[in-house]
Amino acid sequence: MRLFLDANILFLAGYSATSPVHDLLALASGGFCELLASEYALEEARRNLVIKGQPSMLERFTTSTRGVVRVSEARAPALAQATAANLSDPADIPILAAAIQARADGLMTGDKRAFGPHFGTRIASVEILLLRDALQRATS
């Protein structure tokens, strides 16, 4: 299973050493799933961790995300599909578009404002998942 990580999930990897995202990272390192992210998502997470101002968070983020596969930013066809989803926050369009373009099975996010109406559904071929749902899928 290929899972694309939204910036808020990547942020958790640095923010909390006990977040369940670390369970998913361990599953990926064990070959149970493949985790993907775009530089756009990684940079947003990195920027928000810097705002928190604790160097240990940024170090944990860097270490935790080493195994995450970096995918290219989305181009026009995927951007058009993501735009058609009518997300409440346009800043999330590049995230969804990159997941579509990377042919991810799922987009893991905690952003209920932008993706809430889409949880458990597919946009293009990408299922929108909460962290707990992604963990369940990766272990089944």
N, C-alpha and C. Protein backbone atom coordinates (compact mmCIF):
# COMPACT_ATOMS: atom_id res chain seq x y z
N MET A 1 0.84 -1.17 0.00
CA MET A 1 0.00 0.00 0.00
C MET A 1 0.89 1.24 0.00
N ARG A 2 0.57 2.15 -0.91
CA ARG A 2 1.32 3.41 -1.03
C ARG A 2 0.50 4.52 -0.37
N LEU A 3 1.05 5.14 0.66
CA LEU A 3 0.35 6.18 1.41
C LEU A 3 1.09 7.51 1.29
N PHE A 4 0.37 8.51 0.85
CA PHE A 4 0.92 9.86 0.76
C PHE A 4 0.64 10.57 2.08
N LEU A 5 1.65 11.23 2.63
CA LEU A 5 1.53 11.90 3.92
C LEU A 5 1.30 13.39 3.75
N ASP A 6 0.21 13.87 4.32
CA ASP A 6 -0.07 15.31 4.34
C ASP A 6 0.91 15.98 5.31
N ALA A 7 1.06 17.27 5.18
CA ALA A 7 2.00 18.02 6.01
C ALA A 7 1.69 17.89 7.50
N ASN A 8 0.40 17.82 7.86
CA ASN A 8 0.08 17.74 9.30
C ASN A 8 0.50 16.39 9.89
N ILE A 9 0.51 15.34 9.09
CA ILE A 9 0.98 14.04 9.56
C ILE A 9 2.51 14.06 9.66
N LEU A 10 3.16 14.65 8.68
CA LEU A 10 4.62 14.79 8.73
C LEU A 10 5.04 15.63 9.94
N PHE A 11 4.28 16.67 10.23
CA PHE A 11 4.54 17.53 11.38
C PHE A 11 4.55 16.69 12.67
N LEU A 12 3.59 15.78 12.80
CA LEU A 12 3.50 14.95 13.99
C LEU A 12 4.75 14.09 14.20
N ALA A 13 5.39 13.70 13.10
CA ALA A 13 6.60 12.90 13.20
C ALA A 13 7.70 13.64 13.95
N GLY A 14 7.73 14.95 13.82
CA GLY A 14 8.71 15.75 14.54
C GLY A 14 8.20 16.26 15.87
N TYR A 15 6.93 16.57 15.94
CA TYR A 15 6.35 17.19 17.13
C TYR A 15 6.29 16.25 18.33
N SER A 16 5.96 14.99 18.07
CA SER A 16 5.75 14.05 19.17
C SER A 16 6.48 12.73 18.92
N ALA A 17 7.28 12.34 19.88
CA ALA A 17 7.99 11.06 19.78
C ALA A 17 7.05 9.89 20.00
N THR A 18 5.86 10.15 20.54
CA THR A 18 4.93 9.06 20.85
C THR A 18 3.71 9.04 19.93
N SER A 19 3.70 9.87 18.91
CA SER A 19 2.57 9.89 17.98
C SER A 19 2.45 8.55 17.26
N PRO A 20 1.23 8.11 16.98
CA PRO A 20 1.04 6.88 16.20
C PRO A 20 1.66 6.93 14.80
N VAL A 21 2.01 8.11 14.33
CA VAL A 21 2.67 8.19 13.02
C VAL A 21 3.99 7.40 13.05
N HIS A 22 4.61 7.31 14.22
CA HIS A 22 5.85 6.54 14.33
C HIS A 22 5.59 5.04 14.15
N ASP A 23 4.40 4.59 14.51
CA ASP A 23 4.03 3.19 14.25
C ASP A 23 3.96 2.95 12.74
N LEU A 24 3.39 3.92 12.04
CA LEU A 24 3.29 3.79 10.58
C LEU A 24 4.67 3.84 9.94
N LEU A 25 5.53 4.71 10.43
CA LEU A 25 6.90 4.79 9.92
C LEU A 25 7.63 3.45 10.13
N ALA A 26 7.38 2.82 11.28
CA ALA A 26 8.00 1.52 11.55
C ALA A 26 7.45 0.45 10.61
N LEU A 27 6.15 0.49 10.34
CA LEU A 27 5.56 -0.46 9.39
C LEU A 27 6.19 -0.29 8.01
N ALA A 28 6.41 0.95 7.62
CA ALA A 28 7.02 1.22 6.31
C ALA A 28 8.44 0.68 6.27
N SER A 29 9.19 0.89 7.34
CA SER A 29 10.57 0.39 7.34
C SER A 29 10.60 -1.14 7.35
N GLY A 30 9.51 -1.76 7.80
CA GLY A 30 9.40 -3.22 7.76
C GLY A 30 8.83 -3.76 6.46
N GLY A 31 8.55 -2.85 5.52
CA GLY A 31 8.06 -3.28 4.21
C GLY A 31 6.56 -3.51 4.11
N PHE A 32 5.80 -3.10 5.12
CA PHE A 32 4.35 -3.31 5.11
C PHE A 32 3.60 -2.28 4.27
N CYS A 33 4.24 -1.13 4.04
CA CYS A 33 3.64 -0.08 3.22
C CYS A 33 4.77 0.82 2.72
N GLU A 34 4.42 1.69 1.80
CA GLU A 34 5.38 2.67 1.29
C GLU A 34 4.81 4.05 1.57
N LEU A 35 5.62 4.89 2.18
CA LEU A 35 5.18 6.24 2.53
C LEU A 35 5.78 7.24 1.54
N LEU A 36 4.94 8.15 1.08
CA LEU A 36 5.31 9.14 0.07
C LEU A 36 5.02 10.54 0.58
N ALA A 37 5.77 11.50 0.09
CA ALA A 37 5.49 12.92 0.37
C ALA A 37 6.15 13.76 -0.70
N SER A 38 5.56 14.91 -0.95
CA SER A 38 6.16 15.88 -1.86
C SER A 38 7.01 16.85 -1.05
N GLU A 39 7.89 17.53 -1.73
CA GLU A 39 8.70 18.54 -1.05
C GLU A 39 7.81 19.65 -0.49
N TYR A 40 6.71 19.93 -1.17
CA TYR A 40 5.74 20.94 -0.70
C TYR A 40 5.22 20.55 0.69
N ALA A 41 4.83 19.29 0.87
CA ALA A 41 4.31 18.81 2.16
C ALA A 41 5.42 18.79 3.21
N LEU A 42 6.58 18.31 2.83
CA LEU A 42 7.70 18.26 3.76
C LEU A 42 8.11 19.65 4.22
N GLU A 43 8.15 20.60 3.30
CA GLU A 43 8.55 21.96 3.65
C GLU A 43 7.52 22.63 4.56
N GLU A 44 6.25 22.39 4.31
CA GLU A 44 5.22 22.96 5.18
C GLU A 44 5.36 22.42 6.61
N ALA A 45 5.59 21.13 6.74
CA ALA A 45 5.78 20.53 8.07
C ALA A 45 7.03 21.09 8.73
N ARG A 46 8.11 21.16 7.97
CA ARG A 46 9.39 21.69 8.48
C ARG A 46 9.21 23.13 8.98
N ARG A 47 8.56 23.95 8.17
CA ARG A 47 8.34 25.36 8.51
C ARG A 47 7.53 25.48 9.81
N ASN A 48 6.51 24.67 9.98
CA ASN A 48 5.70 24.73 11.19
C ASN A 48 6.45 24.24 12.42
N LEU A 49 7.35 23.29 12.24
CA LEU A 49 8.18 22.85 13.36
C LEU A 49 9.17 23.93 13.77
N VAL A 50 9.72 24.64 12.81
CA VAL A 50 10.63 25.74 13.11
C VAL A 50 9.91 26.81 13.94
N ILE A 51 8.66 27.07 13.60
CA ILE A 51 7.86 28.06 14.35
C ILE A 51 7.73 27.64 15.81
N LYS A 52 7.62 26.33 16.05
CA LYS A 52 7.52 25.82 17.43
C LYS A 52 8.80 26.10 18.22
N GLY A 53 9.92 26.23 17.51
CA GLY A 53 11.16 26.69 18.13
C GLY A 53 11.94 25.70 18.97
N GLN A 54 11.69 24.41 18.83
CA GLN A 54 12.45 23.43 19.59
C GLN A 54 13.31 22.60 18.63
N PRO A 55 14.62 22.77 18.69
CA PRO A 55 15.52 22.06 17.76
C PRO A 55 15.31 20.54 17.77
N SER A 56 14.95 19.98 18.93
CA SER A 56 14.77 18.52 19.00
C SER A 56 13.65 18.06 18.08
N MET A 57 12.64 18.89 17.88
CA MET A 57 11.53 18.53 17.00
C MET A 57 12.00 18.43 15.55
N LEU A 58 12.79 19.39 15.13
CA LEU A 58 13.29 19.38 13.75
C LEU A 58 14.24 18.21 13.53
N GLU A 59 15.04 17.89 14.53
CA GLU A 59 15.94 16.74 14.44
C GLU A 59 15.14 15.44 14.33
N ARG A 60 14.10 15.32 15.17
CA ARG A 60 13.25 14.12 15.14
C ARG A 60 12.55 14.00 13.79
N PHE A 61 12.08 15.13 13.26
CA PHE A 61 11.43 15.15 11.95
C PHE A 61 12.37 14.64 10.86
N THR A 62 13.59 15.18 10.85
CA THR A 62 14.58 14.81 9.84
C THR A 62 14.90 13.32 9.92
N THR A 63 15.11 12.82 11.11
CA THR A 63 15.41 11.40 11.30
C THR A 63 14.22 10.52 10.93
N SER A 64 13.05 10.91 11.37
CA SER A 64 11.84 10.10 11.15
C SER A 64 11.45 10.00 9.69
N THR A 65 11.71 11.04 8.93
CA THR A 65 11.22 11.06 7.54
C THR A 65 12.27 10.59 6.52
N ARG A 66 13.38 10.08 6.99
CA ARG A 66 14.42 9.61 6.05
C ARG A 66 13.90 8.53 5.11
N GLY A 67 13.02 7.68 5.58
CA GLY A 67 12.51 6.59 4.76
C GLY A 67 11.30 6.94 3.90
N VAL A 68 10.86 8.18 3.99
CA VAL A 68 9.71 8.62 3.20
C VAL A 68 10.19 8.91 1.78
N VAL A 69 9.51 8.33 0.80
CA VAL A 69 9.89 8.51 -0.60
C VAL A 69 9.43 9.89 -1.06
N ARG A 70 10.35 10.67 -1.59
CA ARG A 70 10.03 12.00 -2.12
C ARG A 70 9.50 11.85 -3.54
N VAL A 71 8.32 12.43 -3.78
CA VAL A 71 7.73 12.37 -5.12
C VAL A 71 7.72 13.77 -5.71
N SER A 72 7.60 13.83 -7.02
CA SER A 72 7.64 15.13 -7.69
C SER A 72 6.35 15.91 -7.45
N GLU A 73 6.47 17.21 -7.59
CA GLU A 73 5.30 18.07 -7.46
C GLU A 73 4.35 17.80 -8.63
N ALA A 74 3.10 18.03 -8.40
CA ALA A 74 2.07 17.70 -9.38
C ALA A 74 2.10 18.64 -10.58
N ARG A 75 1.74 18.07 -11.71
CA ARG A 75 1.62 18.83 -12.96
C ARG A 75 0.14 19.03 -13.27
N ALA A 76 -0.13 19.67 -14.38
CA ALA A 76 -1.48 20.13 -14.74
C ALA A 76 -2.58 19.08 -14.64
N PRO A 77 -2.42 17.87 -15.18
CA PRO A 77 -3.55 16.93 -15.12
C PRO A 77 -3.98 16.59 -13.68
N ALA A 78 -3.00 16.32 -12.83
CA ALA A 78 -3.32 16.00 -11.43
C ALA A 78 -3.85 17.23 -10.69
N LEU A 79 -3.29 18.39 -10.99
CA LEU A 79 -3.79 19.62 -10.36
C LEU A 79 -5.25 19.87 -10.74
N ALA A 80 -5.62 19.58 -11.98
CA ALA A 80 -7.01 19.75 -12.40
C ALA A 80 -7.93 18.80 -11.64
N GLN A 81 -7.50 17.55 -11.46
CA GLN A 81 -8.32 16.59 -10.71
C GLN A 81 -8.47 17.03 -9.26
N ALA A 82 -7.40 17.51 -8.65
CA ALA A 82 -7.45 17.95 -7.26
C ALA A 82 -8.31 19.19 -7.11
N THR A 83 -8.22 20.09 -8.06
CA THR A 83 -9.03 21.32 -8.02
C THR A 83 -10.51 20.98 -8.09
N ALA A 84 -10.86 19.97 -8.88
CA ALA A 84 -12.26 19.57 -9.04
C ALA A 84 -12.87 19.02 -7.75
N ALA A 85 -12.04 18.66 -6.78
CA ALA A 85 -12.53 18.13 -5.51
C ALA A 85 -13.14 19.21 -4.63
N ASN A 86 -12.92 20.48 -4.98
CA ASN A 86 -13.48 21.61 -4.23
C ASN A 86 -13.12 21.56 -2.74
N LEU A 87 -11.84 21.42 -2.45
CA LEU A 87 -11.39 21.45 -1.07
C LEU A 87 -11.62 22.83 -0.48
N SER A 88 -11.87 22.88 0.82
CA SER A 88 -12.15 24.17 1.46
C SER A 88 -10.92 25.06 1.56
N ASP A 89 -9.73 24.47 1.48
CA ASP A 89 -8.49 25.23 1.56
C ASP A 89 -7.66 25.00 0.29
N PRO A 90 -7.53 26.01 -0.55
CA PRO A 90 -6.77 25.85 -1.80
C PRO A 90 -5.31 25.44 -1.58
N ALA A 91 -4.77 25.70 -0.40
CA ALA A 91 -3.39 25.31 -0.11
C ALA A 91 -3.22 23.79 -0.08
N ASP A 92 -4.33 23.06 0.03
CA ASP A 92 -4.26 21.60 0.06
C ASP A 92 -4.35 20.98 -1.33
N ILE A 93 -4.63 21.77 -2.33
CA ILE A 93 -4.71 21.24 -3.70
C ILE A 93 -3.39 20.61 -4.15
N PRO A 94 -2.23 21.26 -3.92
CA PRO A 94 -0.96 20.62 -4.33
C PRO A 94 -0.68 19.31 -3.60
N ILE A 95 -1.16 19.18 -2.37
CA ILE A 95 -0.99 17.94 -1.60
C ILE A 95 -1.78 16.82 -2.27
N LEU A 96 -3.06 17.07 -2.48
CA LEU A 96 -3.92 16.06 -3.12
C LEU A 96 -3.42 15.74 -4.53
N ALA A 97 -3.05 16.76 -5.27
CA ALA A 97 -2.59 16.56 -6.64
C ALA A 97 -1.32 15.70 -6.69
N ALA A 98 -0.40 15.93 -5.77
CA ALA A 98 0.82 15.12 -5.74
C ALA A 98 0.49 13.67 -5.40
N ALA A 99 -0.47 13.45 -4.51
CA ALA A 99 -0.89 12.09 -4.18
C ALA A 99 -1.51 11.41 -5.39
N ILE A 100 -2.33 12.14 -6.13
CA ILE A 100 -2.94 11.60 -7.35
C ILE A 100 -1.86 11.25 -8.37
N GLN A 101 -0.97 12.19 -8.61
CA GLN A 101 0.09 11.98 -9.61
C GLN A 101 1.00 10.82 -9.24
N ALA A 102 1.28 10.65 -7.95
CA ALA A 102 2.15 9.56 -7.48
C ALA A 102 1.44 8.21 -7.46
N ARG A 103 0.17 8.23 -7.80
CA ARG A 103 -0.65 7.01 -7.78
C ARG A 103 -0.66 6.35 -6.41
N ALA A 104 -0.80 7.21 -5.38
CA ALA A 104 -0.90 6.70 -4.01
C ALA A 104 -2.25 5.99 -3.84
N ASP A 105 -2.26 4.99 -3.00
CA ASP A 105 -3.51 4.31 -2.67
C ASP A 105 -4.33 5.17 -1.72
N GLY A 106 -3.62 5.91 -0.86
CA GLY A 106 -4.32 6.73 0.11
C GLY A 106 -3.55 8.00 0.42
N LEU A 107 -4.31 9.00 0.85
CA LEU A 107 -3.74 10.26 1.35
C LEU A 107 -4.07 10.29 2.83
N MET A 108 -3.05 10.26 3.66
CA MET A 108 -3.25 10.27 5.09
C MET A 108 -3.16 11.70 5.59
N THR A 109 -4.24 12.15 6.23
CA THR A 109 -4.31 13.52 6.71
C THR A 109 -5.14 13.58 7.98
N GLY A 110 -4.89 14.60 8.74
CA GLY A 110 -5.72 14.90 9.92
C GLY A 110 -6.50 16.18 9.72
N ASP A 111 -6.44 16.73 8.52
CA ASP A 111 -7.07 18.01 8.20
C ASP A 111 -8.56 17.81 7.94
N LYS A 112 -9.34 17.91 9.00
CA LYS A 112 -10.78 17.69 8.89
C LYS A 112 -11.48 18.86 8.21
N ARG A 113 -10.87 20.04 8.28
CA ARG A 113 -11.49 21.20 7.64
C ARG A 113 -11.48 21.05 6.13
N ALA A 114 -10.33 20.73 5.57
CA ALA A 114 -10.22 20.64 4.11
C ALA A 114 -10.71 19.30 3.57
N PHE A 115 -10.41 18.21 4.30
CA PHE A 115 -10.68 16.88 3.77
C PHE A 115 -11.83 16.16 4.46
N GLY A 116 -12.36 16.74 5.53
CA GLY A 116 -13.40 16.08 6.31
C GLY A 116 -14.53 15.44 5.52
N PRO A 117 -15.14 16.17 4.58
CA PRO A 117 -16.23 15.56 3.81
C PRO A 117 -15.78 14.40 2.92
N HIS A 118 -14.47 14.26 2.75
CA HIS A 118 -13.95 13.25 1.83
C HIS A 118 -13.38 12.01 2.53
N PHE A 119 -13.34 12.03 3.88
CA PHE A 119 -12.77 10.88 4.58
C PHE A 119 -13.52 9.61 4.20
N GLY A 120 -12.74 8.57 3.89
CA GLY A 120 -13.32 7.29 3.51
C GLY A 120 -13.79 7.21 2.07
N THR A 121 -13.61 8.29 1.32
CA THR A 121 -13.98 8.28 -0.10
C THR A 121 -12.73 8.40 -0.95
N ARG A 122 -12.91 8.27 -2.22
CA ARG A 122 -11.79 8.40 -3.16
C ARG A 122 -11.95 9.66 -3.99
N ILE A 123 -10.83 10.33 -4.18
CA ILE A 123 -10.75 11.44 -5.12
C ILE A 123 -9.76 10.98 -6.17
N ALA A 124 -10.23 10.91 -7.40
CA ALA A 124 -9.48 10.20 -8.45
C ALA A 124 -9.34 8.78 -7.93
N SER A 125 -8.15 8.27 -7.78
CA SER A 125 -7.99 6.91 -7.26
C SER A 125 -7.42 6.90 -5.85
N VAL A 126 -7.38 8.05 -5.19
CA VAL A 126 -6.75 8.18 -3.88
C VAL A 126 -7.80 8.23 -2.78
N GLU A 127 -7.72 7.28 -1.85
CA GLU A 127 -8.64 7.27 -0.72
C GLU A 127 -8.14 8.23 0.35
N ILE A 128 -9.03 9.03 0.90
CA ILE A 128 -8.67 9.99 1.94
C ILE A 128 -8.84 9.30 3.29
N LEU A 129 -7.73 9.24 4.05
CA LEU A 129 -7.69 8.45 5.28
C LEU A 129 -7.21 9.25 6.49
N LEU A 130 -7.76 8.94 7.64
CA LEU A 130 -7.20 9.39 8.90
C LEU A 130 -6.04 8.49 9.27
N LEU A 131 -5.18 8.92 10.16
CA LEU A 131 -4.02 8.14 10.57
C LEU A 131 -4.44 6.77 11.08
N ARG A 132 -5.46 6.70 11.92
CA ARG A 132 -5.87 5.40 12.48
C ARG A 132 -6.32 4.44 11.38
N ASP A 133 -6.99 4.97 10.36
CA ASP A 133 -7.44 4.13 9.26
C ASP A 133 -6.26 3.63 8.42
N ALA A 134 -5.29 4.49 8.22
CA ALA A 134 -4.10 4.10 7.46
C ALA A 134 -3.33 3.03 8.21
N LEU A 135 -3.22 3.16 9.52
CA LEU A 135 -2.54 2.15 10.33
C LEU A 135 -3.26 0.81 10.21
N GLN A 136 -4.56 0.85 10.27
CA GLN A 136 -5.35 -0.38 10.17
C GLN A 136 -5.15 -1.05 8.81
N ARG A 137 -5.17 -0.26 7.74
CA ARG A 137 -4.98 -0.81 6.40
C ARG A 137 -3.59 -1.39 6.21
N ALA A 138 -2.59 -0.72 6.78
CA ALA A 138 -1.20 -1.18 6.61
C ALA A 138 -0.94 -2.48 7.34
N THR A 139 -1.73 -2.76 8.36
CA THR A 139 -1.50 -3.98 9.14
C THR A 139 -2.44 -5.12 8.74
N SER A 140 -3.35 -4.88 7.81
CA SER A 140 -4.28 -5.95 7.44
C SER A 140 -3.95 -6.55 6.10
